[in-house]
Amino acid sequence: MLRTLSLMCLLPVLLVATPASALTKAQKMETCKFGADDQKLTGAKRNTFIAKCMANRNDKRGPAMQPATETAPATEEK
């Protein structure tokens, strides 16, 4: 009983995290199409939604962090 209850509570958390883990363009497109279908969008609104979704413009968390570029420290020669 406890195992079933904990699984029922954990499942929605795992499902919410799943779209954020899209790694390839195909996975991202599939996620965006699912979002458009879920909102029952058609025509131009659907295309706009998918374009924004693929560009991460509708992500409330903001754009992904860019990897920091390492620069060599400047050395002074005397």
N, C-alpha and C. Protein backbone atom coordinates (compact mmCIF):
# COMPACT_ATOMS: atom_id res chain seq x y z
N MET A 1 0.83 -1.20 0.00
CA MET A 1 0.00 0.00 0.00
C MET A 1 0.87 1.26 0.00
N LEU A 2 1.86 1.27 0.88
CA LEU A 2 2.74 2.44 0.95
C LEU A 2 3.55 2.59 -0.34
N ARG A 3 3.97 1.49 -0.91
CA ARG A 3 4.73 1.52 -2.15
C ARG A 3 3.88 2.10 -3.28
N THR A 4 2.62 1.68 -3.35
CA THR A 4 1.72 2.17 -4.39
C THR A 4 1.44 3.66 -4.22
N LEU A 5 1.23 4.08 -2.99
CA LEU A 5 0.97 5.49 -2.71
C LEU A 5 2.17 6.35 -3.08
N SER A 6 3.37 5.89 -2.73
CA SER A 6 4.56 6.68 -3.05
C SER A 6 4.79 6.73 -4.56
N LEU A 7 4.51 5.64 -5.26
CA LEU A 7 4.63 5.64 -6.72
C LEU A 7 3.64 6.61 -7.34
N MET A 8 2.44 6.66 -6.83
CA MET A 8 1.41 7.57 -7.36
C MET A 8 1.81 9.02 -7.13
N CYS A 9 2.50 9.31 -6.05
CA CYS A 9 2.94 10.67 -5.77
C CYS A 9 4.17 11.04 -6.59
N LEU A 10 5.02 10.08 -6.89
CA LEU A 10 6.25 10.34 -7.61
C LEU A 10 6.04 10.44 -9.12
N LEU A 11 5.08 9.74 -9.65
CA LEU A 11 4.85 9.70 -11.09
C LEU A 11 4.59 11.08 -11.70
N PRO A 12 3.72 11.93 -11.13
CA PRO A 12 3.53 13.26 -11.74
C PRO A 12 4.81 14.09 -11.76
N VAL A 13 5.64 13.95 -10.76
CA VAL A 13 6.90 14.70 -10.73
C VAL A 13 7.79 14.25 -11.88
N LEU A 14 7.85 12.96 -12.12
CA LEU A 14 8.67 12.45 -13.22
C LEU A 14 8.12 12.87 -14.57
N LEU A 15 6.81 12.91 -14.71
CA LEU A 15 6.20 13.31 -15.98
C LEU A 15 6.43 14.78 -16.28
N VAL A 16 6.45 15.61 -15.24
CA VAL A 16 6.69 17.04 -15.43
C VAL A 16 8.12 17.27 -15.88
N ALA A 17 9.05 16.48 -15.37
CA ALA A 17 10.46 16.66 -15.71
C ALA A 17 10.80 16.11 -17.09
N THR A 18 9.99 15.27 -17.65
CA THR A 18 10.31 14.61 -18.91
C THR A 18 10.48 15.58 -20.08
N PRO A 19 9.58 16.55 -20.35
CA PRO A 19 9.77 17.42 -21.50
C PRO A 19 11.06 18.24 -21.44
N ALA A 20 11.51 18.56 -20.25
CA ALA A 20 12.72 19.36 -20.12
C ALA A 20 13.96 18.58 -20.51
N SER A 21 13.85 17.28 -20.63
CA SER A 21 15.03 16.49 -20.93
C SER A 21 15.16 16.15 -22.41
N ALA A 22 14.48 16.88 -23.26
CA ALA A 22 14.59 16.64 -24.70
C ALA A 22 16.00 17.01 -25.15
N LEU A 23 16.72 16.05 -25.70
CA LEU A 23 18.12 16.27 -26.04
C LEU A 23 18.34 16.53 -27.52
N THR A 24 17.53 15.95 -28.36
CA THR A 24 17.73 16.13 -29.79
C THR A 24 16.63 17.00 -30.37
N LYS A 25 16.84 17.46 -31.59
CA LYS A 25 15.81 18.28 -32.24
C LYS A 25 14.53 17.50 -32.45
N ALA A 26 14.67 16.21 -32.77
CA ALA A 26 13.48 15.37 -32.99
C ALA A 26 12.68 15.22 -31.71
N GLN A 27 13.38 15.04 -30.58
CA GLN A 27 12.69 14.93 -29.30
C GLN A 27 12.02 16.25 -28.93
N LYS A 28 12.70 17.35 -29.19
CA LYS A 28 12.14 18.67 -28.90
C LYS A 28 10.91 18.92 -29.76
N MET A 29 10.97 18.55 -31.05
CA MET A 29 9.83 18.73 -31.95
C MET A 29 8.65 17.91 -31.47
N GLU A 30 8.91 16.69 -31.04
CA GLU A 30 7.85 15.83 -30.53
C GLU A 30 7.20 16.45 -29.30
N THR A 31 8.01 17.02 -28.42
CA THR A 31 7.49 17.67 -27.22
C THR A 31 6.66 18.90 -27.59
N CYS A 32 7.14 19.69 -28.54
CA CYS A 32 6.42 20.89 -28.95
C CYS A 32 5.09 20.54 -29.62
N LYS A 33 5.10 19.50 -30.44
CA LYS A 33 3.85 19.08 -31.09
C LYS A 33 2.86 18.58 -30.05
N PHE A 34 3.35 17.87 -29.04
CA PHE A 34 2.47 17.41 -27.97
C PHE A 34 1.84 18.60 -27.25
N GLY A 35 2.64 19.64 -26.99
CA GLY A 35 2.11 20.84 -26.35
C GLY A 35 1.06 21.53 -27.20
N ALA A 36 1.28 21.58 -28.51
CA ALA A 36 0.31 22.20 -29.42
C ALA A 36 -0.97 21.37 -29.47
N ASP A 37 -0.83 20.05 -29.50
CA ASP A 37 -2.01 19.18 -29.49
C ASP A 37 -2.78 19.31 -28.19
N ASP A 38 -2.05 19.41 -27.09
CA ASP A 38 -2.67 19.52 -25.78
C ASP A 38 -3.50 20.80 -25.67
N GLN A 39 -3.03 21.87 -26.30
CA GLN A 39 -3.76 23.14 -26.28
C GLN A 39 -4.76 23.25 -27.43
N LYS A 40 -4.84 22.21 -28.25
CA LYS A 40 -5.77 22.15 -29.39
C LYS A 40 -5.57 23.32 -30.35
N LEU A 41 -4.29 23.63 -30.65
CA LEU A 41 -3.96 24.71 -31.56
C LEU A 41 -4.00 24.22 -32.99
N THR A 42 -4.43 25.09 -33.90
CA THR A 42 -4.46 24.75 -35.32
C THR A 42 -3.97 25.93 -36.14
N GLY A 43 -3.56 25.65 -37.36
CA GLY A 43 -3.19 26.69 -38.32
C GLY A 43 -2.01 27.52 -37.88
N ALA A 44 -2.14 28.84 -38.06
CA ALA A 44 -1.05 29.77 -37.78
C ALA A 44 -0.67 29.78 -36.30
N LYS A 45 -1.66 29.64 -35.42
CA LYS A 45 -1.35 29.63 -33.99
C LYS A 45 -0.49 28.43 -33.62
N ARG A 46 -0.78 27.28 -34.24
CA ARG A 46 0.01 26.08 -33.98
C ARG A 46 1.45 26.27 -34.48
N ASN A 47 1.59 26.79 -35.70
CA ASN A 47 2.92 27.01 -36.26
C ASN A 47 3.73 28.00 -35.42
N THR A 48 3.09 29.06 -34.94
CA THR A 48 3.76 30.04 -34.10
C THR A 48 4.19 29.41 -32.79
N PHE A 49 3.30 28.62 -32.18
CA PHE A 49 3.62 27.95 -30.93
C PHE A 49 4.81 27.02 -31.10
N ILE A 50 4.82 26.23 -32.16
CA ILE A 50 5.90 25.27 -32.38
C ILE A 50 7.21 26.01 -32.65
N ALA A 51 7.16 27.11 -33.41
CA ALA A 51 8.37 27.88 -33.69
C ALA A 51 8.95 28.46 -32.40
N LYS A 52 8.09 29.02 -31.55
CA LYS A 52 8.57 29.57 -30.28
C LYS A 52 9.08 28.47 -29.37
N CYS A 53 8.40 27.34 -29.37
CA CYS A 53 8.81 26.22 -28.54
C CYS A 53 10.19 25.71 -28.97
N MET A 54 10.40 25.56 -30.24
CA MET A 54 11.69 25.07 -30.74
C MET A 54 12.81 26.06 -30.45
N ALA A 55 12.48 27.35 -30.39
CA ALA A 55 13.48 28.38 -30.12
C ALA A 55 13.64 28.66 -28.63
N ASN A 56 12.87 27.97 -27.79
CA ASN A 56 12.88 28.15 -26.33
C ASN A 56 12.47 29.55 -25.92
N ARG A 57 11.71 30.25 -26.77
CA ARG A 57 11.27 31.59 -26.41
C ARG A 57 10.10 31.58 -25.44
N ASN A 58 9.38 30.46 -25.35
CA ASN A 58 8.25 30.42 -24.44
C ASN A 58 8.61 29.74 -23.12
N ASP A 59 9.89 29.51 -22.88
CA ASP A 59 10.33 28.86 -21.66
C ASP A 59 10.41 29.90 -20.55
N LYS A 60 9.63 29.73 -19.49
CA LYS A 60 9.58 30.69 -18.40
C LYS A 60 10.89 30.73 -17.62
N ARG A 61 11.69 29.67 -17.76
CA ARG A 61 12.97 29.63 -17.05
C ARG A 61 14.03 30.45 -17.76
N GLY A 62 13.77 30.86 -18.98
CA GLY A 62 14.73 31.63 -19.75
C GLY A 62 15.59 30.74 -20.62
N PRO A 63 16.50 31.34 -21.36
CA PRO A 63 17.35 30.55 -22.24
C PRO A 63 18.34 29.70 -21.46
N ALA A 64 18.80 28.64 -22.07
CA ALA A 64 19.77 27.77 -21.42
C ALA A 64 21.08 28.52 -21.24
N MET A 65 21.79 28.16 -20.18
CA MET A 65 23.07 28.80 -19.92
C MET A 65 24.08 28.36 -20.96
N GLN A 66 24.85 29.29 -21.44
CA GLN A 66 25.90 28.99 -22.39
C GLN A 66 27.13 28.54 -21.63
N PRO A 67 27.88 27.58 -22.16
CA PRO A 67 29.08 27.16 -21.46
C PRO A 67 30.09 28.30 -21.39
N ALA A 68 30.71 28.42 -20.24
CA ALA A 68 31.69 29.49 -20.05
C ALA A 68 32.94 29.17 -20.84
N THR A 69 33.46 30.18 -21.50
CA THR A 69 34.70 29.98 -22.24
C THR A 69 35.85 30.32 -21.32
N GLU A 70 36.82 29.45 -21.29
CA GLU A 70 37.97 29.68 -20.42
C GLU A 70 39.01 30.51 -21.17
N THR A 71 39.48 31.52 -20.52
CA THR A 71 40.53 32.34 -21.11
C THR A 71 41.77 32.20 -20.25
N ALA A 72 42.90 32.18 -20.88
CA ALA A 72 44.16 32.07 -20.15
C ALA A 72 44.45 33.41 -19.49
N PRO A 73 44.91 33.38 -18.24
CA PRO A 73 45.22 34.65 -17.58
C PRO A 73 46.41 35.31 -18.26
N ALA A 74 46.35 36.60 -18.35
CA ALA A 74 47.43 37.36 -18.98
C ALA A 74 48.64 37.33 -18.08
N THR A 75 49.78 37.05 -18.63
CA THR A 75 51.04 37.04 -17.85
C THR A 75 51.86 38.24 -18.28
N GLU A 76 52.45 38.84 -17.30
CA GLU A 76 53.29 40.00 -17.57
C GLU A 76 54.74 39.56 -17.52
N GLU A 77 55.47 39.90 -18.54
CA GLU A 77 56.91 39.60 -18.56
C GLU A 77 57.67 40.87 -18.29
N LYS A 78 58.68 40.76 -17.45
CA LYS A 78 59.47 41.95 -17.10
C LYS A 78 60.83 41.86 -17.68
